[in-house]
Amino acid sequence: MLKVQNLSISFVTRIGVNKAVDNVSFSVEPGKITAIIGESGSGKSVACCSLLGLIPSPPGIIENGRALFDGIDLLKLSEAQLQKIRGSDIAMVFQDPMTCLNPYMTIGDQLTESLRYHQKARRKEARQRAVELLQEVGIREPASTIDDYPHQFSGGMRQRVMIAMALINEPKLLIADEPTTALDVTIQSQILQLLADIQKQRNIGILFISHDLAVIADIADQIIVMQEGKVVETGTRSDIFHNPQHLYTRKLLAAIPTDCKQATLPKSEPLIEIRDLCTWFQRDKAPLKAVDGVSFDIYRGEVLGLVGESGSGKSTIGRSILRLVNVTRGQVIFDGLNITALGPRELKKLRSRMQFIFQDPFASLNPRMTVYETLAEPLLLHGIEDRSTVSTSVLRLMDNVGLARSFARKYPHEFSGGQRQRIAIGRALATRPEFVVADEPVSALDVTIQAQILTLMQELGREYGLTMLFISHDLAVVRQLADRIVVLQAGKVVEQASSVNLFSQPQTTYTRQLLQSIPGRGLLKSKIAHD
């Protein structure tokens, strides 16, 4: 169906020419799923976007190669010719549906737009087809929700809408670019199963782009591994997972978290005591009970994992503990002090002892402040250092989180995602806190960068003697880091156990459902057994 040969793409930048794709070749067969795997910057998305003329020129330049689709070279087509193919014969599902869907248009209008353009369908006919397709991809009550806007859907539902939009003209080839990144394990599992089912029912070819080998472990027929713009290995699923030839492929496999932290019973007093915590938000006439009567303890020196799907209340609990949101009812006791009863002045004094690491460092770091200014700010604000001594502490922090001292005067946009997260971790540790809330700190990172950040957090936890609440929807990550795990569902605690016991003997149906949704379960089991 698709045969890409010797594709090379470069970008002209201020510092020279960057070769993003270097002599890449691969193919996609009808009714098969071909996966392209590699870290950010490996050239995966650039190679695939070039097939549909989605590389801006300039600065992008396709230097060489062919991309034969049903015998037609896509790289030689004009923009007008590509418009007839895009969304019709070849469709694409992008990584972030919220930025790809038009916030000013209803879901129905966006779905029918492509059908009316390519097939000249009448409005009523196109709407009926859109309702049927929404039903097929698992949208509840599509006849009524078709007139809703993107912000009224959850992340998983928006991704289903994107898949429906891609399928509405019944394409022969579907390109899925990181379609499950940052989704819950259960939603991720549903989306992957949906793509696999659609591929079988419609006999279409799928080109699946991902940075996570575990994600494609259960669905890919053929796997292409890319590193720094080049294909380093190609093989079947069995070849790649059970007999990898290239060092880089083995590195990607090794980065998949499989370890389970062996925790001893807590011997210390709780540092944090949470009692009947309720955090409700006003929504129309009835309150949204984000956190509803939650109670648990966090012991000194332990890492407590908090897991659950989106909307379960994980992040709200973390923000409630640090009083970043107003608590409706209940108590949070920190080292014997009731935080929920403190006024602004007393709370500010306590802030240096409790810190927060946010999920998206690019959004939480001030783009106008250099690394030096970012790390120095909490030290100066809390009076830990003064202008004459702060430089030494900042440079020591950079050493601790693995950032070169020469980066001190750089701004956030000049760093990779992993480096920005290191800055965020350094900022949180600047005041030498006793307690840290880490809210999904590795969810959107490559598996290799994710492994580095997790190792860093473990090392710093031991060095600083940290107590940590680690929030995540990725149970494989929590398994590696947490001593104990609390499972949340719809704002309530449904299970608490040590990591070992939770994974070996889950007590509730919901926990078992979460564990069964971990991508690449068979791969993980065999890898754990081998280790």
Protein backbone atom coordinates (compact mmCIF):
# COMPACT_ATOMS: atom_id res chain seq x y z
CA MET A 1 0.00 0.00 0.00
CA LEU A 2 2.73 2.46 0.99
CA LYS A 3 6.40 2.16 0.14
CA VAL A 4 8.81 4.86 1.34
CA GLN A 5 12.29 4.70 -0.17
CA ASN A 6 15.44 6.62 0.80
CA LEU A 7 13.58 9.55 2.34
CA SER A 8 15.81 12.43 3.53
CA ILE A 9 14.50 15.67 5.09
CA SER A 10 16.48 18.64 6.42
CA PHE A 11 15.59 21.85 8.25
CA VAL A 12 17.46 25.09 7.74
CA THR A 13 18.09 26.80 11.10
CA ARG A 14 20.07 29.79 12.34
CA ILE A 15 22.92 27.49 13.39
CA GLY A 16 23.03 25.42 10.22
CA VAL A 17 21.25 22.57 8.46
CA ASN A 18 19.70 19.86 10.65
CA LYS A 19 19.10 16.50 8.96
CA ALA A 20 15.90 15.30 10.63
CA VAL A 21 15.35 12.23 8.42
CA ASP A 22 18.32 10.46 6.85
CA ASN A 23 17.79 7.92 4.06
CA VAL A 24 14.75 6.23 5.67
CA SER A 25 12.86 3.36 4.02
CA PHE A 26 9.79 1.44 5.23
CA SER A 27 6.49 0.04 3.98
CA VAL A 28 2.90 -0.50 5.14
CA GLU A 29 0.82 -3.45 3.94
CA PRO A 30 -2.99 -3.49 3.68
CA GLY A 31 -4.60 -4.83 6.84
CA LYS A 32 -1.37 -4.56 8.84
CA ILE A 33 -0.09 -2.23 11.58
CA THR A 34 3.42 -0.87 11.09
CA ALA A 35 4.87 0.95 14.11
CA ILE A 36 7.68 3.53 14.03
CA ILE A 37 9.42 3.75 17.41
CA GLY A 38 12.03 6.20 18.72
CA GLU A 39 12.68 9.02 21.14
CA SER A 40 11.62 12.63 20.59
CA GLY A 41 13.72 14.12 17.81
CA SER A 42 14.35 10.77 16.12
CA GLY A 43 12.45 11.90 13.00
CA LYS A 44 9.34 9.69 13.33
CA SER A 45 6.67 12.36 13.00
CA VAL A 46 8.63 14.39 10.44
CA ALA A 47 8.93 11.35 8.15
CA CYS A 48 5.19 10.64 8.35
CA CYS A 49 4.01 14.25 8.10
CA SER A 50 6.07 14.71 4.95
CA LEU A 51 3.91 12.09 3.22
CA LEU A 52 0.92 14.44 3.42
CA GLY A 53 2.78 17.67 2.65
CA LEU A 54 2.59 18.81 6.28
CA ILE A 55 6.24 19.87 6.54
CA PRO A 56 6.52 23.67 6.22
CA SER A 57 8.85 24.69 3.41
CA PRO A 58 10.91 26.60 4.30
CA PRO A 59 12.51 25.68 6.68
CA GLY A 60 11.83 22.03 5.81
CA ILE A 61 13.38 20.60 2.66
CA ILE A 62 12.70 17.12 1.25
CA GLU A 63 16.12 16.39 -0.22
CA ASN A 64 15.59 12.91 -1.57
CA GLY A 65 13.31 9.89 -1.70
CA ARG A 66 10.01 8.51 -2.93
CA ALA A 67 6.74 7.69 -1.15
CA LEU A 68 4.65 5.44 -3.36
CA PHE A 69 1.00 5.16 -2.33
CA ASP A 70 -0.98 2.90 -4.70
CA GLY A 71 1.76 3.60 -7.25
CA ILE A 72 1.60 7.40 -6.91
CA ASP A 73 4.61 9.30 -5.51
CA LEU A 74 3.14 11.49 -2.77
CA LEU A 75 6.27 13.65 -2.61
CA LYS A 76 5.78 14.84 -6.20
CA LEU A 77 2.13 15.88 -5.87
CA SER A 78 1.02 19.51 -5.88
CA GLU A 79 -0.87 20.99 -2.94
CA ALA A 80 -4.16 20.71 -4.87
CA GLN A 81 -3.53 17.03 -5.59
CA LEU A 82 -2.59 16.35 -1.95
CA GLN A 83 -5.81 17.99 -0.75
CA LYS A 84 -7.78 15.31 -2.58
CA ILE A 85 -5.84 12.55 -0.81
CA ARG A 86 -5.58 14.07 2.70
CA GLY A 87 -8.55 12.99 4.81
CA SER A 88 -9.85 10.83 1.99
CA ASP A 89 -7.41 8.04 1.04
CA ILE A 90 -4.94 8.83 3.84
CA ALA A 91 -6.05 10.18 7.22
CA MET A 92 -4.11 11.20 10.30
CA VAL A 93 -4.81 11.07 14.04
CA PHE A 94 -2.66 13.59 15.90
CA GLN A 95 -1.21 13.39 19.40
CA ASP A 96 -3.15 16.17 21.13
CA PRO A 97 -6.80 16.33 20.02
CA MET A 98 -7.50 19.49 22.02
CA THR A 99 -5.07 21.51 19.87
CA CYS A 100 -6.21 19.83 16.63
CA LEU A 101 -9.96 20.22 17.09
CA ASN A 102 -11.43 23.66 16.39
CA PRO A 103 -12.76 25.05 19.71
CA TYR A 104 -15.25 27.30 17.84
CA MET A 105 -16.93 24.44 15.94
CA THR A 106 -19.18 21.68 17.24
CA ILE A 107 -17.98 18.09 16.95
CA GLY A 108 -20.68 17.44 14.33
CA ASP A 109 -19.62 20.33 12.11
CA GLN A 110 -15.98 19.22 12.24
CA LEU A 111 -16.86 15.61 11.41
CA THR A 112 -19.14 16.45 8.50
CA GLU A 113 -16.82 19.09 7.01
CA SER A 114 -14.43 16.49 5.57
CA LEU A 115 -17.27 14.29 4.27
CA ARG A 116 -18.99 17.20 2.53
CA TYR A 117 -15.68 18.38 0.99
CA HIS A 118 -14.46 15.05 -0.36
CA GLN A 119 -17.74 13.27 -1.16
CA LYS A 120 -20.04 16.27 -1.70
CA ALA A 121 -22.49 14.70 0.77
CA ARG A 122 -25.66 16.58 1.72
CA ARG A 123 -25.82 18.03 5.24
CA LYS A 124 -28.47 15.59 6.54
CA GLU A 125 -26.70 12.56 5.05
CA ALA A 126 -23.32 13.68 6.43
CA ARG A 127 -24.78 14.23 9.91
CA GLN A 128 -26.32 10.74 9.98
CA ARG A 129 -23.00 9.22 8.91
CA ALA A 130 -21.21 11.20 11.64
CA VAL A 131 -23.63 9.91 14.32
CA GLU A 132 -23.08 6.32 13.16
CA LEU A 133 -19.30 6.72 13.28
CA LEU A 134 -19.35 8.31 16.74
CA GLN A 135 -21.36 5.28 17.87
CA GLU A 136 -18.76 2.98 16.28
CA VAL A 137 -15.83 4.61 18.12
CA GLY A 138 -17.63 4.39 21.47
CA ILE A 139 -19.11 7.88 22.04
CA ARG A 140 -22.15 7.57 24.31
CA GLU A 141 -25.43 9.10 23.09
CA PRO A 142 -23.89 10.44 19.84
CA ALA A 143 -27.18 11.90 18.57
CA SER A 144 -27.15 14.43 21.42
CA THR A 145 -23.40 14.91 21.94
CA ILE A 146 -22.72 15.59 18.25
CA ASP A 147 -23.66 19.25 18.87
CA ASP A 148 -21.24 19.62 21.80
CA TYR A 149 -17.90 21.45 21.59
CA PRO A 150 -14.45 19.83 22.13
CA HIS A 151 -14.03 21.24 25.66
CA GLN A 152 -17.15 19.35 26.73
CA PHE A 153 -15.44 15.99 26.09
CA SER A 154 -12.80 14.18 28.17
CA GLY A 155 -9.32 13.52 26.74
CA GLY A 156 -10.18 9.94 25.79
CA MET A 157 -13.47 10.98 24.18
CA ARG A 158 -11.73 13.75 22.18
CA GLN A 159 -9.27 11.17 20.87
CA ARG A 160 -12.20 8.97 19.81
CA VAL A 161 -13.67 11.95 17.95
CA MET A 162 -10.32 12.44 16.16
CA ILE A 163 -10.35 8.77 15.13
CA ALA A 164 -13.94 9.11 13.88
CA MET A 165 -12.93 12.21 11.91
CA ALA A 166 -10.05 10.29 10.34
CA LEU A 167 -12.30 7.34 9.39
CA ILE A 168 -15.34 9.21 8.07
CA ASN A 169 -14.17 9.03 4.42
CA GLU A 170 -13.09 5.38 4.81
CA PRO A 171 -9.37 5.87 4.10
CA LYS A 172 -7.06 3.10 2.96
CA LEU A 173 -4.22 4.25 5.25
CA LEU A 174 -4.43 5.69 8.78
CA ILE A 175 -1.43 7.48 10.33
CA ALA A 176 -1.66 7.60 14.15
CA ASP A 177 0.90 9.96 15.68
CA GLU A 178 1.32 9.21 19.42
CA PRO A 179 -2.48 8.86 19.81
CA THR A 180 -2.35 7.58 23.42
CA THR A 181 0.40 9.71 25.00
CA ALA A 182 -0.59 11.05 28.44
CA LEU A 183 -3.90 9.12 28.48
CA ASP A 184 -4.89 6.91 31.41
CA VAL A 185 -3.95 3.24 31.12
CA THR A 186 -7.60 2.21 30.83
CA ILE A 187 -8.38 4.87 28.18
CA GLN A 188 -5.09 4.07 26.44
CA SER A 189 -6.04 0.40 26.36
CA GLN A 190 -9.47 1.25 24.92
CA ILE A 191 -7.99 3.46 22.17
CA LEU A 192 -5.41 0.82 21.21
CA GLN A 193 -8.11 -1.87 21.11
CA LEU A 194 -10.34 0.44 19.07
CA LEU A 195 -7.59 1.01 16.48
CA ALA A 196 -6.87 -2.72 16.29
CA ASP A 197 -10.59 -3.53 15.84
CA ILE A 198 -11.05 -0.86 13.16
CA GLN A 199 -7.99 -2.12 11.31
CA LYS A 200 -9.42 -5.65 11.18
CA GLN A 201 -12.99 -4.63 10.35
CA ARG A 202 -12.04 -2.24 7.56
CA ASN A 203 -8.83 -3.97 6.42
CA ILE A 204 -6.95 -0.66 6.41
CA GLY A 205 -3.22 -0.16 6.87
CA ILE A 206 -2.10 1.70 10.00
CA LEU A 207 1.17 3.56 10.48
CA PHE A 208 1.51 3.94 14.27
CA ILE A 209 4.07 6.40 15.70
CA SER A 210 5.14 6.06 19.34
CA HIS A 211 8.07 6.53 21.72
CA ASP A 212 6.94 3.68 23.98
CA LEU A 213 7.61 0.07 22.96
CA ALA A 214 5.17 -1.23 25.58
CA VAL A 215 2.30 0.64 23.89
CA ILE A 216 2.70 -1.15 20.56
CA ALA A 217 3.72 -4.53 22.06
CA ASP A 218 0.24 -6.03 21.60
CA ILE A 219 -0.83 -4.53 18.26
CA ALA A 220 2.11 -4.02 15.83
CA ASP A 221 2.83 -6.46 13.02
CA GLN A 222 6.01 -4.72 11.85
CA ILE A 223 8.26 -2.39 13.87
CA ILE A 224 10.75 0.21 12.60
CA VAL A 225 13.16 1.63 15.20
CA MET A 226 14.51 5.13 14.49
CA GLN A 227 17.38 6.99 16.14
CA GLU A 228 18.62 10.46 15.18
CA GLY A 229 16.84 10.40 11.82
CA LYS A 230 17.98 6.92 10.76
CA VAL A 231 16.37 3.49 10.78
CA VAL A 232 18.56 1.33 13.06
CA GLU A 233 16.44 -1.82 13.11
CA THR A 234 13.40 -3.33 11.40
CA GLY A 235 11.60 -6.53 12.30
CA THR A 236 8.44 -8.29 13.31
CA ARG A 237 7.04 -7.82 16.80
CA SER A 238 8.63 -11.10 17.88
CA ASP A 239 12.02 -10.12 16.42
CA ILE A 240 12.13 -6.74 18.16
CA PHE A 241 10.89 -7.84 21.59
CA HIS A 242 12.54 -11.23 21.89
CA ASN A 243 15.66 -10.89 19.77
CA PRO A 244 16.64 -7.19 19.41
CA GLN A 245 19.84 -6.72 17.42
CA HIS A 246 20.70 -3.06 17.85
CA LEU A 247 22.04 -1.53 21.08
CA TYR A 248 19.50 1.32 20.87
CA THR A 249 16.55 -1.10 20.63
CA ARG A 250 17.83 -2.93 23.69
CA LYS A 251 18.13 0.44 25.46
CA LEU A 252 14.48 1.25 24.70
CA LEU A 253 13.38 -2.15 26.02
CA ALA A 254 15.50 -1.77 29.16
CA ALA A 255 13.89 1.62 29.87
CA ILE A 256 10.42 0.07 30.29
CA PRO A 257 9.85 0.09 34.07
CA THR A 258 9.38 -3.43 35.48
CA ASP A 259 10.99 -3.29 38.92
CA CYS A 260 8.81 -3.42 42.01
CA LYS A 261 10.07 -1.51 45.02
CA GLN A 262 10.43 -3.76 48.04
CA ALA A 263 8.99 -1.79 50.94
CA THR A 264 9.29 -2.52 54.62
CA LEU A 265 6.50 -1.72 57.06
CA PRO A 266 6.56 1.93 58.20
CA LYS A 267 8.52 2.32 61.44
CA SER A 268 8.03 6.06 61.82
CA GLU A 269 5.14 8.32 62.69
CA PRO A 270 3.06 9.75 59.82
CA LEU A 271 4.35 13.05 58.46
CA ILE A 272 1.02 13.68 56.68
CA GLU A 273 -2.37 12.60 58.06
CA ILE A 274 -5.38 13.08 55.79
CA ARG A 275 -8.76 12.72 57.48
CA ASP A 276 -12.14 12.76 55.67
CA LEU A 277 -10.81 15.17 53.03
CA CYS A 278 -13.46 16.66 50.75
CA THR A 279 -12.73 19.12 47.94
CA TRP A 280 -15.82 20.08 45.96
CA PHE A 281 -16.20 22.51 43.08
CA GLN A 282 -19.40 24.34 42.23
CA ARG A 283 -20.76 23.20 38.88
CA ASP A 284 -24.18 24.46 37.75
CA LYS A 285 -26.55 23.65 40.62
CA ALA A 286 -24.86 20.54 42.02
CA PRO A 287 -21.29 20.42 43.39
CA LEU A 288 -18.62 18.39 41.59
CA LYS A 289 -17.22 16.12 44.31
CA ALA A 290 -13.64 15.83 43.03
CA VAL A 291 -12.42 14.44 46.37
CA ASP A 292 -15.08 12.90 48.60
CA GLY A 293 -14.19 11.71 52.12
CA VAL A 294 -10.59 10.53 51.56
CA SER A 295 -8.39 9.35 54.46
CA PHE A 296 -4.82 7.98 54.45
CA ASP A 297 -1.38 8.56 56.00
CA ILE A 298 2.03 9.30 54.45
CA TYR A 299 4.95 8.17 56.62
CA ARG A 300 8.27 9.94 56.96
CA GLY A 301 10.75 8.90 54.28
CA GLU A 302 8.30 6.88 52.18
CA VAL A 303 7.06 7.35 48.63
CA LEU A 304 3.29 6.92 48.48
CA GLY A 305 1.87 6.30 45.01
CA LEU A 306 -1.56 7.74 44.17
CA VAL A 307 -3.13 6.13 41.10
CA GLY A 308 -6.43 6.30 39.23
CA GLU A 309 -7.98 7.45 35.97
CA SER A 310 -8.37 11.07 34.91
CA GLY A 311 -11.08 12.68 36.99
CA SER A 312 -10.53 10.35 39.94
CA GLY A 313 -9.26 13.24 42.09
CA LYS A 314 -5.52 12.47 42.22
CA SER A 315 -4.21 15.93 41.35
CA THR A 316 -6.90 17.62 43.44
CA ILE A 317 -5.73 15.68 46.51
CA GLY A 318 -2.13 16.80 45.89
CA ARG A 319 -3.20 20.42 45.49
CA SER A 320 -5.49 20.20 48.54
CA ILE A 321 -2.65 18.96 50.76
CA LEU A 322 -0.56 22.02 49.83
CA ARG A 323 -3.64 24.29 49.96
CA LEU A 324 -3.32 25.23 46.29
CA VAL A 325 -7.10 24.74 46.15
CA ASN A 326 -9.64 25.40 48.90
CA VAL A 327 -10.64 22.38 50.97
CA THR A 328 -14.39 21.94 51.52
CA ARG A 329 -14.20 19.71 54.58
CA GLY A 330 -11.76 17.51 56.50
CA GLN A 331 -8.25 17.88 57.84
CA VAL A 332 -4.70 17.70 56.51
CA ILE A 333 -2.24 17.32 59.41
CA PHE A 334 1.39 18.07 58.53
CA ASP A 335 3.87 17.22 61.30
CA GLY A 336 1.14 17.74 63.91
CA LEU A 337 -0.10 21.03 62.37
CA ASN A 338 -3.58 21.30 60.87
CA ILE A 339 -2.88 22.94 57.49
CA THR A 340 -6.57 23.41 56.66
CA ALA A 341 -6.94 25.84 59.61
CA LEU A 342 -3.93 28.06 58.76
CA GLY A 343 -4.22 31.63 57.51
CA PRO A 344 -2.21 33.01 54.56
CA ARG A 345 0.70 34.29 56.69
CA GLU A 346 1.19 31.00 58.59
CA LEU A 347 0.78 29.04 55.37
CA LYS A 348 3.50 31.03 53.61
CA LYS A 349 5.96 30.15 56.40
CA LEU A 350 5.16 26.48 55.86
CA ARG A 351 5.60 26.57 52.07
CA SER A 352 9.37 26.01 52.20
CA ARG A 353 8.78 22.63 53.88
CA MET A 354 6.29 21.44 51.24
CA GLN A 355 6.80 21.67 47.48
CA PHE A 356 5.06 20.67 44.23
CA ILE A 357 6.45 19.24 40.96
CA PHE A 358 3.95 19.87 38.16
CA GLN A 359 3.21 17.63 35.18
CA ASP A 360 4.12 20.09 32.43
CA PRO A 361 7.35 21.98 33.19
CA PHE A 362 6.99 24.18 30.12
CA ALA A 363 3.70 25.54 31.51
CA SER A 364 4.90 25.81 35.12
CA LEU A 365 8.29 27.46 34.43
CA ASN A 366 8.33 31.22 33.83
CA PRO A 367 9.45 31.69 30.18
CA ARG A 368 10.99 35.10 31.07
CA MET A 369 13.25 33.70 33.80
CA THR A 370 16.57 31.94 33.25
CA VAL A 371 17.43 28.70 35.02
CA TYR A 372 19.51 30.69 37.50
CA GLU A 373 16.62 33.04 38.31
CA THR A 374 14.15 30.14 38.58
CA LEU A 375 16.30 28.26 41.10
CA ALA A 376 17.34 31.37 43.03
CA GLU A 377 13.79 32.72 43.48
CA PRO A 378 12.56 30.31 46.24
CA LEU A 379 15.89 30.61 48.10
CA LEU A 380 15.63 34.40 48.21
CA LEU A 381 11.86 34.45 48.83
CA HIS A 382 12.09 32.30 51.95
CA GLY A 383 15.26 33.98 53.20
CA ILE A 384 17.33 30.81 52.95
CA GLU A 385 20.08 32.62 51.02
CA ASP A 386 20.91 36.25 50.25
CA ARG A 387 22.28 37.82 47.07
CA SER A 388 25.87 37.19 48.14
CA THR A 389 25.47 33.44 48.76
CA VAL A 390 22.66 32.35 46.43
CA SER A 391 24.95 31.61 43.44
CA THR A 392 26.72 28.77 45.25
CA SER A 393 23.41 27.12 46.19
CA VAL A 394 22.02 27.47 42.65
CA LEU A 395 25.08 25.85 41.07
CA ARG A 396 24.98 23.03 43.64
CA LEU A 397 21.30 22.43 42.79
CA MET A 398 22.14 22.23 39.08
CA ASP A 399 24.81 19.64 39.86
CA ASN A 400 22.33 17.61 41.91
CA VAL A 401 19.69 17.43 39.18
CA GLY A 402 22.18 16.77 36.38
CA LEU A 403 22.22 20.12 34.59
CA ALA A 404 25.48 21.59 33.29
CA ARG A 405 26.44 24.81 35.05
CA SER A 406 26.88 26.45 31.66
CA PHE A 407 23.07 26.27 31.24
CA ALA A 408 22.47 28.73 34.11
CA ARG A 409 21.68 31.70 31.84
CA LYS A 410 19.44 29.79 29.41
CA TYR A 411 15.65 30.08 29.22
CA PRO A 412 13.10 27.19 29.40
CA HIS A 413 12.43 27.13 25.64
CA GLU A 414 16.09 26.30 25.03
CA PHE A 415 15.81 22.94 26.80
CA SER A 416 14.33 19.53 26.01
CA GLY A 417 11.33 18.19 27.94
CA GLY A 418 13.53 16.04 30.19
CA GLN A 419 15.86 18.95 30.95
CA ARG A 420 12.91 21.22 31.78
CA GLN A 421 11.63 18.62 34.21
CA ARG A 422 15.05 18.57 35.88
CA ILE A 423 14.77 22.36 36.33
CA ALA A 424 11.32 21.90 37.88
CA ILE A 425 12.67 19.25 40.25
CA GLY A 426 15.59 21.53 41.19
CA ARG A 427 13.17 24.38 41.95
CA ALA A 428 11.09 22.11 44.18
CA LEU A 429 14.17 20.94 46.09
CA ALA A 430 15.74 24.40 46.44
CA THR A 431 14.28 24.99 49.91
CA ARG A 432 15.24 21.44 51.05
CA PRO A 433 11.61 20.51 51.75
CA GLU A 434 10.52 17.59 53.90
CA PHE A 435 7.56 16.73 51.66
CA VAL A 436 7.10 16.85 47.86
CA VAL A 437 4.01 16.24 45.73
CA ALA A 438 5.06 14.99 42.27
CA ASP A 439 2.05 15.25 39.92
CA GLU A 440 2.54 13.09 36.79
CA PRO A 441 6.17 14.29 36.43
CA VAL A 442 7.12 11.81 33.68
CA SER A 443 3.83 11.14 31.84
CA ALA A 444 4.72 12.89 28.57
CA LEU A 445 8.44 12.00 28.45
CA ASP A 446 10.22 9.42 26.29
CA VAL A 447 10.76 6.09 28.04
CA THR A 448 14.53 6.61 28.19
CA ILE A 449 14.20 10.16 29.59
CA GLN A 450 11.45 8.89 31.90
CA ALA A 451 13.85 6.25 33.26
CA GLN A 452 16.51 8.93 33.87
CA ILE A 453 14.06 11.20 35.75
CA LEU A 454 12.77 8.31 37.89
CA THR A 455 16.33 7.29 38.78
CA LEU A 456 17.13 10.93 39.60
CA MET A 457 14.07 11.20 41.86
CA GLN A 458 15.02 8.01 43.69
CA GLU A 459 18.59 9.23 44.25
CA LEU A 460 17.49 12.70 45.39
CA GLY A 461 14.85 11.17 47.64
CA ARG A 462 17.52 9.21 49.47
CA GLU A 463 19.96 12.15 49.55
CA TYR A 464 17.42 14.70 50.81
CA GLY A 465 15.46 12.27 53.00
CA LEU A 466 12.26 13.20 51.17
CA THR A 467 8.72 12.08 51.89
CA MET A 468 6.85 12.02 48.57
CA LEU A 469 3.33 11.73 47.19
CA PHE A 470 3.83 10.43 43.63
CA ILE A 471 0.72 10.91 41.46
CA SER A 472 0.44 8.96 38.22
CA HIS A 473 -1.90 7.06 35.92
CA ASP A 474 0.99 4.77 34.87
CA LEU A 475 1.06 1.80 37.23
CA ALA A 476 4.32 0.47 35.80
CA VAL A 477 6.05 3.72 36.85
CA VAL A 478 4.43 3.75 40.29
CA ARG A 479 5.42 0.11 40.81
CA GLN A 480 9.09 1.07 40.42
CA LEU A 481 9.05 4.11 42.72
CA ALA A 482 6.39 3.71 45.43
CA ASP A 483 6.59 1.92 48.77
CA ARG A 484 2.81 1.88 49.14
CA ILE A 485 -0.01 2.64 46.71
CA VAL A 486 -3.43 4.26 47.21
CA VAL A 487 -5.98 3.60 44.44
CA LEU A 488 -8.62 6.27 43.76
CA GLN A 489 -11.88 5.97 41.87
CA ALA A 490 -14.38 8.84 41.47
CA GLY A 491 -12.89 10.79 44.38
CA LYS A 492 -12.83 7.90 46.85
CA VAL A 493 -10.11 5.51 48.08
CA VAL A 494 -10.93 1.96 46.93
CA GLU A 495 -7.70 0.20 47.96
CA GLN A 496 -4.43 0.73 49.87
CA ALA A 497 -1.52 -1.73 49.90
CA SER A 498 2.23 -2.10 49.52
CA SER A 499 3.43 -2.11 45.89
CA VAL A 500 4.25 -5.81 46.07
CA ASN A 501 0.85 -6.79 47.47
CA LEU A 502 -1.13 -4.53 45.16
CA PHE A 503 0.43 -6.00 42.03
CA SER A 504 0.42 -9.60 43.23
CA GLN A 505 -2.91 -9.66 45.12
CA PRO A 506 -5.24 -6.80 44.08
CA GLN A 507 -8.38 -6.81 46.22
CA THR A 508 -10.87 -4.80 44.16
CA THR A 509 -12.30 -5.18 40.67
CA TYR A 510 -11.25 -1.63 39.78
CA THR A 511 -7.60 -2.25 40.74
CA ARG A 512 -7.57 -5.46 38.68
CA GLN A 513 -9.03 -3.50 35.76
CA LEU A 514 -6.22 -0.92 36.03
CA LEU A 515 -3.57 -3.66 36.16
CA GLN A 516 -5.06 -5.45 33.14
CA SER A 517 -4.94 -2.18 31.16
CA ILE A 518 -1.15 -1.73 31.47
CA PRO A 519 0.12 -1.72 27.86
CA GLY A 520 2.31 -4.65 26.84
CA ARG A 521 1.32 -6.85 29.79
CA GLY A 522 2.72 -9.98 28.15
CA LEU A 523 5.99 -8.20 27.39
CA LEU A 524 6.27 -6.90 30.96
CA LYS A 525 5.56 -10.32 32.48
CA SER A 526 8.19 -12.05 30.35
CA LYS A 527 10.69 -9.24 31.00
CA ILE A 528 10.10 -9.43 34.78
CA ALA A 529 10.47 -13.23 34.70
CA HIS A 530 13.70 -12.93 32.68
CA ASP A 531 15.12 -10.30 35.09
